[in-house]
Amino acid sequence: MVPTSIKQISSSELAVDWDDGHKGKHNLPVLRRYCPCAACKIEAEEGEKAVLLPVLIPGRNELKGIEKVGNYALQFRWGDGHSTGIYTYDYLRQICECDECTQVGRE
């Protein structure tokens, strides 16, 4: 599975077309929340234990750029300067939010 097209279709949504015909969709706040870098994973784990309201950081969910990493992943650059997460193609498909993928998760 390899993306054939990646487009930001709104200020909060990314569309990914795949070589197998799948039309993926990702909400930017969700992509950021599921950032696979070590720092974000630790932050997410600690956040699950905390009862505090999330702190809003300007630019946190604003996509500034996308770079291809080899032939297996994408790296997103966010408005707050964060860019260390490497999203493998397999991982992007796992967290896809298109209607087809969210239906599969509900069955």
PDB file of N, CA and C in Angstrom:
ATOM      1  N   MET A   1       0.827  -1.187   0.000  1.00  0.00           N
ATOM      2  CA  MET A   1       0.000   0.000   0.000  1.00  0.00           C
ATOM      3  C   MET A   1       0.870   1.249   0.000  1.00  0.00           C
ATOM      4  N   VAL A   2       0.629   2.076  -0.993  1.00  0.00           N
ATOM      5  CA  VAL A   2       1.387   3.312  -1.133  1.00  0.00           C
ATOM      6  C   VAL A   2       0.417   4.419  -1.529  1.00  0.00           C
ATOM      7  N   PRO A   3       0.533   5.590  -0.899  1.00  0.00           N
ATOM      8  CA  PRO A   3      -0.330   6.697  -1.312  1.00  0.00           C
ATOM      9  C   PRO A   3       0.012   7.161  -2.725  1.00  0.00           C
ATOM     10  N   THR A   4      -1.025   7.432  -3.512  1.00  0.00           N
ATOM     11  CA  THR A   4      -0.817   7.977  -4.850  1.00  0.00           C
ATOM     12  C   THR A   4      -1.106   9.474  -4.869  1.00  0.00           C
ATOM     13  N   SER A   5      -1.867   9.953  -3.892  1.00  0.00           N
ATOM     14  CA  SER A   5      -2.204  11.362  -3.800  1.00  0.00           C
ATOM     15  C   SER A   5      -2.478  11.715  -2.344  1.00  0.00           C
ATOM     16  N   ILE A   6      -1.932  12.840  -1.913  1.00  0.00           N
ATOM     17  CA  ILE A   6      -2.161  13.335  -0.554  1.00  0.00           C
ATOM     18  C   ILE A   6      -2.516  14.806  -0.682  1.00  0.00           C
ATOM     19  N   LYS A   7      -3.722  15.166  -0.228  1.00  0.00           N
ATOM     20  CA  LYS A   7      -4.182  16.549  -0.369  1.00  0.00           C
ATOM     21  C   LYS A   7      -4.847  17.015   0.911  1.00  0.00           C
ATOM     22  N   GLN A   8      -4.525  18.231   1.309  1.00  0.00           N
ATOM     23  CA  GLN A   8      -5.250  18.841   2.407  1.00  0.00           C
ATOM     24  C   GLN A   8      -6.499  19.457   1.789  1.00  0.00           C
ATOM     25  N   ILE A   9      -7.673  18.928   2.146  1.00  0.00           N
ATOM     26  CA  ILE A   9      -8.911  19.363   1.495  1.00  0.00           C
ATOM     27  C   ILE A   9      -9.658  20.423   2.301  1.00  0.00           C
ATOM     28  N   SER A  10      -9.232  20.674   3.516  1.00  0.00           N
ATOM     29  CA  SER A  10      -9.779  21.770   4.316  1.00  0.00           C
ATOM     30  C   SER A  10      -8.762  22.095   5.399  1.00  0.00           C
ATOM     31  N   SER A  11      -9.086  23.068   6.235  1.00  0.00           N
ATOM     32  CA  SER A  11      -8.145  23.436   7.296  1.00  0.00           C
ATOM     33  C   SER A  11      -8.017  22.340   8.353  1.00  0.00           C
ATOM     34  N   SER A  12      -8.919  21.359   8.311  1.00  0.00           N
ATOM     35  CA  SER A  12      -8.870  20.310   9.334  1.00  0.00           C
ATOM     36  C   SER A  12      -8.921  18.895   8.771  1.00  0.00           C
ATOM     37  N   GLU A  13      -8.773  18.735   7.442  1.00  0.00           N
ATOM     38  CA  GLU A  13      -8.926  17.394   6.884  1.00  0.00           C
ATOM     39  C   GLU A  13      -7.924  17.118   5.758  1.00  0.00           C
ATOM     40  N   LEU A  14      -7.433  15.879   5.759  1.00  0.00           N
ATOM     41  CA  LEU A  14      -6.467  15.408   4.774  1.00  0.00           C
ATOM     42  C   LEU A  14      -7.072  14.220   4.038  1.00  0.00           C
ATOM     43  N   ALA A  15      -6.946  14.199   2.717  1.00  0.00           N
ATOM     44  CA  ALA A  15      -7.405  13.068   1.907  1.00  0.00           C
ATOM     45  C   ALA A  15      -6.183  12.329   1.371  1.00  0.00           C
ATOM     46  N   VAL A  16      -6.233  11.001   1.456  1.00  0.00           N
ATOM     47  CA  VAL A  16      -5.138  10.170   0.957  1.00  0.00           C
ATOM     48  C   VAL A  16      -5.722   9.118   0.024  1.00  0.00           C
ATOM     49  N   ASP A  17      -5.297   9.141  -1.238  1.00  0.00           N
ATOM     50  CA  ASP A  17      -5.684   8.104  -2.194  1.00  0.00           C
ATOM     51  C   ASP A  17      -4.562   7.074  -2.212  1.00  0.00           C
ATOM     52  N   TRP A  18      -4.956   5.802  -2.208  1.00  0.00           N
ATOM     53  CA  TRP A  18      -3.992   4.706  -2.134  1.00  0.00           C
ATOM     54  C   TRP A  18      -3.945   3.934  -3.447  1.00  0.00           C
ATOM     55  N   ASP A  19      -2.834   3.249  -3.676  1.00  0.00           N
ATOM     56  CA  ASP A  19      -2.652   2.517  -4.928  1.00  0.00           C
ATOM     57  C   ASP A  19      -3.592   1.331  -5.085  1.00  0.00           C
ATOM     58  N   ASP A  20      -4.294   0.939  -4.024  1.00  0.00           N
ATOM     59  CA  ASP A  20      -5.274  -0.146  -4.130  1.00  0.00           C
ATOM     60  C   ASP A  20      -6.690   0.386  -4.345  1.00  0.00           C
ATOM     61  N   GLY A  21      -6.810   1.710  -4.581  1.00  0.00           N
ATOM     62  CA  GLY A  21      -8.101   2.313  -4.844  1.00  0.00           C
ATOM     63  C   GLY A  21      -8.796   2.899  -3.623  1.00  0.00           C
ATOM     64  N   HIS A  22      -8.271   2.639  -2.449  1.00  0.00           N
ATOM     65  CA  HIS A  22      -8.886   3.157  -1.222  1.00  0.00           C
ATOM     66  C   HIS A  22      -8.774   4.679  -1.180  1.00  0.00           C
ATOM     67  N   LYS A  23      -9.835   5.336  -0.730  1.00  0.00           N
ATOM     68  CA  LYS A  23      -9.865   6.793  -0.572  1.00  0.00           C
ATOM     69  C   LYS A  23      -9.919   7.085   0.919  1.00  0.00           C
ATOM     70  N   GLY A  24      -8.769   7.395   1.505  1.00  0.00           N
ATOM     71  CA  GLY A  24      -8.678   7.622   2.936  1.00  0.00           C
ATOM     72  C   GLY A  24      -8.966   9.055   3.330  1.00  0.00           C
ATOM     73  N   LYS A  25      -9.325   9.231   4.585  1.00  0.00           N
ATOM     74  CA  LYS A  25      -9.621  10.555   5.125  1.00  0.00           C
ATOM     75  C   LYS A  25      -9.074  10.620   6.549  1.00  0.00           C
ATOM     76  N   HIS A  26      -8.452  11.758   6.883  1.00  0.00           N
ATOM     77  CA  HIS A  26      -7.904  11.951   8.225  1.00  0.00           C
ATOM     78  C   HIS A  26      -8.234  13.357   8.716  1.00  0.00           C
ATOM     79  N   ASN A  27      -8.744  13.443   9.920  1.00  0.00           N
ATOM     80  CA  ASN A  27      -8.919  14.739  10.573  1.00  0.00           C
ATOM     81  C   ASN A  27      -7.578  15.117  11.188  1.00  0.00           C
ATOM     82  N   LEU A  28      -7.128  16.335  10.955  1.00  0.00           N
ATOM     83  CA  LEU A  28      -5.807  16.750  11.423  1.00  0.00           C
ATOM     84  C   LEU A  28      -5.651  16.662  12.945  1.00  0.00           C
ATOM     85  N   PRO A  29      -6.647  17.062  13.745  1.00  0.00           N
ATOM     86  CA  PRO A  29      -6.468  16.911  15.194  1.00  0.00           C
ATOM     87  C   PRO A  29      -6.270  15.448  15.614  1.00  0.00           C
ATOM     88  N   VAL A  30      -6.917  14.532  14.912  1.00  0.00           N
ATOM     89  CA  VAL A  30      -6.753  13.108  15.228  1.00  0.00           C
ATOM     90  C   VAL A  30      -5.366  12.634  14.799  1.00  0.00           C
ATOM     91  N   LEU A  31      -4.921  13.051  13.599  1.00  0.00           N
ATOM     92  CA  LEU A  31      -3.565  12.694  13.159  1.00  0.00           C
ATOM     93  C   LEU A  31      -2.533  13.156  14.178  1.00  0.00           C
ATOM     94  N   ARG A  32      -2.703  14.381  14.654  1.00  0.00           N
ATOM     95  CA  ARG A  32      -1.748  14.916  15.621  1.00  0.00           C
ATOM     96  C   ARG A  32      -1.820  14.152  16.945  1.00  0.00           C
ATOM     97  N   ARG A  33      -3.042  13.834  17.385  1.00  0.00           N
ATOM     98  CA  ARG A  33      -3.206  13.109  18.650  1.00  0.00           C
ATOM     99  C   ARG A  33      -2.534  11.737  18.591  1.00  0.00           C
ATOM    100  N   TYR A  34      -2.562  11.117  17.408  1.00  0.00           N
ATOM    101  CA  TYR A  34      -1.962   9.788  17.255  1.00  0.00           C
ATOM    102  C   TYR A  34      -0.558   9.845  16.672  1.00  0.00           C
ATOM    103  N   CYS A  35       0.134  10.956  16.874  1.00  0.00           N
ATOM    104  CA  CYS A  35       1.519  11.066  16.419  1.00  0.00           C
ATOM    105  C   CYS A  35       2.331   9.918  17.022  1.00  0.00           C
ATOM    106  N   PRO A  36       3.070   9.183  16.193  1.00  0.00           N
ATOM    107  CA  PRO A  36       3.790   8.014  16.683  1.00  0.00           C
ATOM    108  C   PRO A  36       5.160   8.289  17.305  1.00  0.00           C
ATOM    109  N   CYS A  37       5.558   9.553  17.457  1.00  0.00           N
ATOM    110  CA  CYS A  37       6.883   9.803  18.040  1.00  0.00           C
ATOM    111  C   CYS A  37       6.873   9.454  19.532  1.00  0.00           C
ATOM    112  N   ALA A  38       8.032   9.221  20.081  1.00  0.00           N
ATOM    113  CA  ALA A  38       8.150   8.807  21.481  1.00  0.00           C
ATOM    114  C   ALA A  38       7.585   9.853  22.443  1.00  0.00           C
ATOM    115  N   ALA A  39       7.874  11.125  22.206  1.00  0.00           N
ATOM    116  CA  ALA A  39       7.397  12.180  23.105  1.00  0.00           C
ATOM    117  C   ALA A  39       5.874  12.242  23.128  1.00  0.00           C
ATOM    118  N   CYS A  40       5.245  12.128  21.977  1.00  0.00           N
ATOM    119  CA  CYS A  40       3.781  12.186  21.916  1.00  0.00           C
ATOM    120  C   CYS A  40       3.144  10.945  22.542  1.00  0.00           C
ATOM    121  N   LYS A  41       3.774   9.796  22.374  1.00  0.00           N
ATOM    122  CA  LYS A  41       3.239   8.588  22.999  1.00  0.00           C
ATOM    123  C   LYS A  41       3.265   8.721  24.518  1.00  0.00           C
ATOM    124  N   ILE A  42       4.348   9.248  25.055  1.00  0.00           N
ATOM    125  CA  ILE A  42       4.448   9.452  26.503  1.00  0.00           C
ATOM    126  C   ILE A  42       3.400  10.463  26.957  1.00  0.00           C
ATOM    127  N   GLU A  43       3.261  11.547  26.207  1.00  0.00           N
ATOM    128  CA  GLU A  43       2.271  12.580  26.530  1.00  0.00           C
ATOM    129  C   GLU A  43       0.857  12.005  26.521  1.00  0.00           C
ATOM    130  N   ALA A  44       0.553  11.159  25.541  1.00  0.00           N
ATOM    131  CA  ALA A  44      -0.775  10.548  25.445  1.00  0.00           C
ATOM    132  C   ALA A  44      -1.023   9.613  26.626  1.00  0.00           C
ATOM    133  N   GLU A  45      -0.013   8.826  27.000  1.00  0.00           N
ATOM    134  CA  GLU A  45      -0.161   7.912  28.136  1.00  0.00           C
ATOM    135  C   GLU A  45      -0.390   8.680  29.430  1.00  0.00           C
ATOM    136  N   GLU A  46       0.364   9.747  29.621  1.00  0.00           N
ATOM    137  CA  GLU A  46       0.192  10.558  30.830  1.00  0.00           C
ATOM    138  C   GLU A  46      -1.148  11.273  30.811  1.00  0.00           C
ATOM    139  N   GLY A  47      -1.589  11.690  29.630  1.00  0.00           N
ATOM    140  CA  GLY A  47      -2.872  12.373  29.494  1.00  0.00           C
ATOM    141  C   GLY A  47      -4.041  11.484  29.849  1.00  0.00           C
ATOM    142  N   GLU A  48      -3.916  10.176  29.578  1.00  0.00           N
ATOM    143  CA  GLU A  48      -4.978   9.238  29.918  1.00  0.00           C
ATOM    144  C   GLU A  48      -5.150   9.129  31.425  1.00  0.00           C
ATOM    145  N   LYS A  49      -4.083   9.319  32.171  1.00  0.00           N
ATOM    146  CA  LYS A  49      -4.129   9.219  33.632  1.00  0.00           C
ATOM    147  C   LYS A  49      -4.595  10.526  34.262  1.00  0.00           C
ATOM    148  N   ALA A  50      -4.368  11.646  33.573  1.00  0.00           N
ATOM    149  CA  ALA A  50      -4.689  12.957  34.135  1.00  0.00           C
ATOM    150  C   ALA A  50      -6.171  13.271  33.970  1.00  0.00           C
ATOM    151  N   VAL A  51      -6.656  14.121  34.851  1.00  0.00           N
ATOM    152  CA  VAL A  51      -8.046  14.549  34.795  1.00  0.00           C
ATOM    153  C   VAL A  51      -8.117  16.019  34.373  1.00  0.00           C
ATOM    154  N   LEU A  52      -6.997  16.575  33.972  1.00  0.00           N
ATOM    155  CA  LEU A  52      -6.918  17.981  33.614  1.00  0.00           C
ATOM    156  C   LEU A  52      -7.481  18.228  32.219  1.00  0.00           C
ATOM    157  N   LEU A  53      -7.943  19.461  31.989  1.00  0.00           N
ATOM    158  CA  LEU A  53      -8.384  19.847  30.658  1.00  0.00           C
ATOM    159  C   LEU A  53      -7.165  19.962  29.746  1.00  0.00           C
ATOM    160  N   PRO A  54      -7.320  19.602  28.463  1.00  0.00           N
ATOM    161  CA  PRO A  54      -6.165  19.721  27.562  1.00  0.00           C
ATOM    162  C   PRO A  54      -5.773  21.182  27.372  1.00  0.00           C
ATOM    163  N   VAL A  55      -4.491  21.413  27.268  1.00  0.00           N
ATOM    164  CA  VAL A  55      -3.981  22.763  27.030  1.00  0.00           C
ATOM    165  C   VAL A  55      -3.972  22.992  25.521  1.00  0.00           C
ATOM    166  N   LEU A  56      -4.553  24.095  25.103  1.00  0.00           N
ATOM    167  CA  LEU A  56      -4.575  24.407  23.679  1.00  0.00           C
ATOM    168  C   LEU A  56      -3.298  25.136  23.299  1.00  0.00           C
ATOM    169  N   ILE A  57      -2.594  24.591  22.350  1.00  0.00           N
ATOM    170  CA  ILE A  57      -1.330  25.164  21.894  1.00  0.00           C
ATOM    171  C   ILE A  57      -1.551  25.695  20.478  1.00  0.00           C
ATOM    172  N   PRO A  58      -1.315  26.985  20.249  1.00  0.00           N
ATOM    173  CA  PRO A  58      -1.519  27.549  18.911  1.00  0.00           C
ATOM    174  C   PRO A  58      -0.733  26.773  17.845  1.00  0.00           C
ATOM    175  N   GLY A  59      -1.407  26.436  16.763  1.00  0.00           N
ATOM    176  CA  GLY A  59      -0.765  25.744  15.650  1.00  0.00           C
ATOM    177  C   GLY A  59      -0.629  24.251  15.825  1.00  0.00           C
ATOM    178  N   ARG A  60      -1.024  23.722  16.958  1.00  0.00           N
ATOM    179  CA  ARG A  60      -0.838  22.300  17.244  1.00  0.00           C
ATOM    180  C   ARG A  60      -1.430  21.402  16.154  1.00  0.00           C
ATOM    181  N   ASN A  61      -2.615  21.736  15.655  1.00  0.00           N
ATOM    182  CA  ASN A  61      -3.285  20.909  14.661  1.00  0.00           C
ATOM    183  C   ASN A  61      -3.248  21.505  13.256  1.00  0.00           C
ATOM    184  N   GLU A  62      -2.397  22.504  13.062  1.00  0.00           N
ATOM    185  CA  GLU A  62      -2.280  23.150  11.761  1.00  0.00           C
ATOM    186  C   GLU A  62      -1.153  22.479  10.970  1.00  0.00           C
ATOM    187  N   LEU A  63      -1.502  21.896   9.842  1.00  0.00           N
ATOM    188  CA  LEU A  63      -0.524  21.200   9.006  1.00  0.00           C
ATOM    189  C   LEU A  63       0.232  22.208   8.160  1.00  0.00           C
ATOM    190  N   LYS A  64       1.557  22.229   8.307  1.00  0.00           N
ATOM    191  CA  LYS A  64       2.411  23.153   7.563  1.00  0.00           C
ATOM    192  C   LYS A  64       3.137  22.480   6.412  1.00  0.00           C
ATOM    193  N   GLY A  65       3.332  21.164   6.489  1.00  0.00           N
ATOM    194  CA  GLY A  65       4.042  20.480   5.423  1.00  0.00           C
ATOM    195  C   GLY A  65       4.022  18.973   5.595  1.00  0.00           C
ATOM    196  N   ILE A  66       4.248  18.277   4.494  1.00  0.00           N
ATOM    197  CA  ILE A  66       4.308  16.810   4.482  1.00  0.00           C
ATOM    198  C   ILE A  66       5.534  16.412   3.685  1.00  0.00           C
ATOM    199  N   GLU A  67       6.321  15.518   4.248  1.00  0.00           N
ATOM    200  CA  GLU A  67       7.489  15.006   3.535  1.00  0.00           C
ATOM    201  C   GLU A  67       7.434  13.486   3.487  1.00  0.00           C
ATOM    202  N   LYS A  68       7.850  12.953   2.374  1.00  0.00           N
ATOM    203  CA  LYS A  68       7.939  11.512   2.210  1.00  0.00           C
ATOM    204  C   LYS A  68       9.201  11.019   2.912  1.00  0.00           C
ATOM    205  N   VAL A  69       9.096   9.901   3.614  1.00  0.00           N
ATOM    206  CA  VAL A  69      10.240   9.281   4.275  1.00  0.00           C
ATOM    207  C   VAL A  69      10.479   7.947   3.582  1.00  0.00           C
ATOM    208  N   GLY A  70      11.536   7.890   2.800  1.00  0.00           N
ATOM    209  CA  GLY A  70      11.815   6.668   2.046  1.00  0.00           C
ATOM    210  C   GLY A  70      10.616   6.259   1.213  1.00  0.00           C
ATOM    211  N   ASN A  71      10.376   4.968   1.135  1.00  0.00           N
ATOM    212  CA  ASN A  71       9.221   4.435   0.409  1.00  0.00           C
ATOM    213  C   ASN A  71       8.221   3.803   1.357  1.00  0.00           C
ATOM    214  N   TYR A  72       8.191   4.290   2.621  1.00  0.00           N
ATOM    215  CA  TYR A  72       7.355   3.608   3.596  1.00  0.00           C
ATOM    216  C   TYR A  72       6.587   4.517   4.545  1.00  0.00           C
ATOM    217  N   ALA A  73       6.803   5.825   4.506  1.00  0.00           N
ATOM    218  CA  ALA A  73       6.180   6.669   5.527  1.00  0.00           C
ATOM    219  C   ALA A  73       6.075   8.126   5.101  1.00  0.00           C
ATOM    220  N   LEU A  74       5.319   8.880   5.911  1.00  0.00           N
ATOM    221  CA  LEU A  74       5.199  10.329   5.764  1.00  0.00           C
ATOM    222  C   LEU A  74       5.562  10.984   7.088  1.00  0.00           C
ATOM    223  N   GLN A  75       6.089  12.189   6.978  1.00  0.00           N
ATOM    224  CA  GLN A  75       6.410  12.978   8.167  1.00  0.00           C
ATOM    225  C   GLN A  75       5.681  14.318   8.025  1.00  0.00           C
ATOM    226  N   PHE A  76       4.887  14.660   9.044  1.00  0.00           N
ATOM    227  CA  PHE A  76       4.109  15.891   9.019  1.00  0.00           C
ATOM    228  C   PHE A  76       4.811  16.972   9.828  1.00  0.00           C
ATOM    229  N   ARG A  77       4.757  18.197   9.325  1.00  0.00           N
ATOM    230  CA  ARG A  77       5.292  19.351  10.052  1.00  0.00           C
ATOM    231  C   ARG A  77       4.096  20.175  10.502  1.00  0.00           C
ATOM    232  N   TRP A  78       3.977  20.363  11.811  1.00  0.00           N
ATOM    233  CA  TRP A  78       2.826  21.025  12.410  1.00  0.00           C
ATOM    234  C   TRP A  78       3.135  22.489  12.721  1.00  0.00           C
ATOM    235  N   GLY A  79       2.079  23.277  12.878  1.00  0.00           N
ATOM    236  CA  GLY A  79       2.195  24.709  13.101  1.00  0.00           C
ATOM    237  C   GLY A  79       2.900  25.111  14.377  1.00  0.00           C
ATOM    238  N   ASP A  80       2.991  24.200  15.333  1.00  0.00           N
ATOM    239  CA  ASP A  80       3.695  24.510  16.575  1.00  0.00           C
ATOM    240  C   ASP A  80       5.162  24.099  16.519  1.00  0.00           C
ATOM    241  N   GLY A  81       5.619  23.666  15.334  1.00  0.00           N
ATOM    242  CA  GLY A  81       7.023  23.291  15.165  1.00  0.00           C
ATOM    243  C   GLY A  81       7.301  21.807  15.293  1.00  0.00           C
ATOM    244  N   HIS A  82       6.345  21.027  15.742  1.00  0.00           N
ATOM    245  CA  HIS A  82       6.553  19.592  15.915  1.00  0.00           C
ATOM    246  C   HIS A  82       6.660  18.898  14.560  1.00  0.00           C
ATOM    247  N   SER A  83       7.647  17.991  14.427  1.00  0.00           N
ATOM    248  CA  SER A  83       7.808  17.286  13.148  1.00  0.00           C
ATOM    249  C   SER A  83       8.571  15.974  13.298  1.00  0.00           C
ATOM    250  N   THR A  84       8.583  15.394  14.480  1.00  0.00           N
ATOM    251  CA  THR A  84       9.389  14.187  14.665  1.00  0.00           C
ATOM    252  C   THR A  84       8.630  12.880  14.444  1.00  0.00           C
ATOM    253  N   GLY A  85       7.318  12.942  14.294  1.00  0.00           N
ATOM    254  CA  GLY A  85       6.551  11.712  14.085  1.00  0.00           C
ATOM    255  C   GLY A  85       6.680  11.194  12.665  1.00  0.00           C
ATOM    256  N   ILE A  86       6.952   9.907  12.535  1.00  0.00           N
ATOM    257  CA  ILE A  86       7.017   9.266  11.224  1.00  0.00           C
ATOM    258  C   ILE A  86       5.845   8.286  11.142  1.00  0.00           C
ATOM    259  N   TYR A  87       4.900   8.603  10.258  1.00  0.00           N
ATOM    260  CA  TYR A  87       3.684   7.817  10.099  1.00  0.00           C
ATOM    261  C   TYR A  87       3.898   6.833   8.962  1.00  0.00           C
ATOM    262  N   THR A  88       4.087   5.554   9.280  1.00  0.00           N
ATOM    263  CA  THR A  88       4.257   4.566   8.216  1.00  0.00           C
ATOM    264  C   THR A  88       2.945   4.460   7.442  1.00  0.00           C
ATOM    265  N   TYR A  89       3.033   3.990   6.221  1.00  0.00           N
ATOM    266  CA  TYR A  89       1.832   3.826   5.416  1.00  0.00           C
ATOM    267  C   TYR A  89       0.856   2.862   6.103  1.00  0.00           C
ATOM    268  N   ASP A  90       1.369   1.783   6.676  1.00  0.00           N
ATOM    269  CA  ASP A  90       0.500   0.836   7.380  1.00  0.00           C
ATOM    270  C   ASP A  90      -0.227   1.522   8.538  1.00  0.00           C
ATOM    271  N   TYR A  91       0.489   2.340   9.287  1.00  0.00           N
ATOM    272  CA  TYR A  91      -0.106   3.046  10.421  1.00  0.00           C
ATOM    273  C   TYR A  91      -1.182   4.019   9.940  1.00  0.00           C
ATOM    274  N   LEU A  92      -0.922   4.759   8.865  1.00  0.00           N
ATOM    275  CA  LEU A  92      -1.923   5.686   8.325  1.00  0.00           C
ATOM    276  C   LEU A  92      -3.205   4.953   7.938  1.00  0.00           C
ATOM    277  N   ARG A  93      -3.066   3.775   7.356  1.00  0.00           N
ATOM    278  CA  ARG A  93      -4.264   3.003   6.996  1.00  0.00           C
ATOM    279  C   ARG A  93      -4.990   2.520   8.244  1.00  0.00           C
ATOM    280  N   GLN A  94      -4.248   2.168   9.280  1.00  0.00           N
ATOM    281  CA  GLN A  94      -4.878   1.703  10.525  1.00  0.00           C
ATOM    282  C   GLN A  94      -5.729   2.782  11.169  1.00  0.00           C
ATOM    283  N   ILE A  95      -5.289   4.037  11.077  1.00  0.00           N
ATOM    284  CA  ILE A  95      -6.018   5.123  11.739  1.00  0.00           C
ATOM    285  C   ILE A  95      -6.892   5.907  10.759  1.00  0.00           C
ATOM    286  N   CYS A  96      -7.169   5.335   9.587  1.00  0.00           N
ATOM    287  CA  CYS A  96      -8.005   5.987   8.579  1.00  0.00           C
ATOM    288  C   CYS A  96      -9.400   6.235   9.154  1.00  0.00           C
ATOM    289  N   GLU A  97      -9.950   7.402   8.825  1.00  0.00           N
ATOM    290  CA  GLU A  97     -11.263   7.790   9.339  1.00  0.00           C
ATOM    291  C   GLU A  97     -12.329   7.898   8.253  1.00  0.00           C
ATOM    292  N   CYS A  98     -12.094   7.280   7.093  1.00  0.00           N
ATOM    293  CA  CYS A  98     -13.099   7.320   6.043  1.00  0.00           C
ATOM    294  C   CYS A  98     -14.317   6.503   6.488  1.00  0.00           C
ATOM    295  N   ASP A  99     -15.425   6.708   5.796  1.00  0.00           N
ATOM    296  CA  ASP A  99     -16.661   5.997   6.158  1.00  0.00           C
ATOM    297  C   ASP A  99     -16.490   4.490   6.139  1.00  0.00           C
ATOM    298  N   GLU A 100     -15.795   3.979   5.123  1.00  0.00           N
ATOM    299  CA  GLU A 100     -15.593   2.528   5.005  1.00  0.00           C
ATOM    300  C   GLU A 100     -14.815   1.982   6.211  1.00  0.00           C
ATOM    301  N   CYS A 101     -13.749   2.651   6.587  1.00  0.00           N
ATOM    302  CA  CYS A 101     -12.917   2.170   7.701  1.00  0.00           C
ATOM    303  C   CYS A 101     -13.623   2.317   9.048  1.00  0.00           C
ATOM    304  N   THR A 102     -14.372   3.390   9.223  1.00  0.00           N
ATOM    305  CA  THR A 102     -15.071   3.542  10.511  1.00  0.00           C
ATOM    306  C   THR A 102     -16.230   2.581  10.612  1.00  0.00           C
ATOM    307  N   GLN A 103     -16.835   2.170   9.490  1.00  0.00           N
ATOM    308  CA  GLN A 103     -17.885   1.157   9.506  1.00  0.00           C
ATOM    309  C   GLN A 103     -17.321  -0.193   9.922  1.00  0.00           C
ATOM    310  N   VAL A 104     -16.137  -0.532   9.419  1.00  0.00           N
ATOM    311  CA  VAL A 104     -15.503  -1.802   9.762  1.00  0.00           C
ATOM    312  C   VAL A 104     -15.262  -1.854  11.259  1.00  0.00           C
ATOM    313  N   GLY A 105     -14.843  -0.739  11.852  1.00  0.00           N
ATOM    314  CA  GLY A 105     -14.581  -0.698  13.292  1.00  0.00           C
ATOM    315  C   GLY A 105     -15.829  -0.839  14.131  1.00  0.00           C
ATOM    316  N   ARG A 106     -16.997  -0.523  13.554  1.00  0.00           N
ATOM    317  CA  ARG A 106     -18.261  -0.589  14.306  1.00  0.00           C
ATOM    318  C   ARG A 106     -18.903  -1.958  14.254  1.00  0.00           C
ATOM    319  N   GLU A 107     -18.521  -2.762  13.302  1.00  0.00           N
ATOM    320  CA  GLU A 107     -19.161  -4.081  13.114  1.00  0.00           C
ATOM    321  C   GLU A 107     -18.708  -5.071  14.162  1.00  0.00           C
TER     322      GLU A 107
END
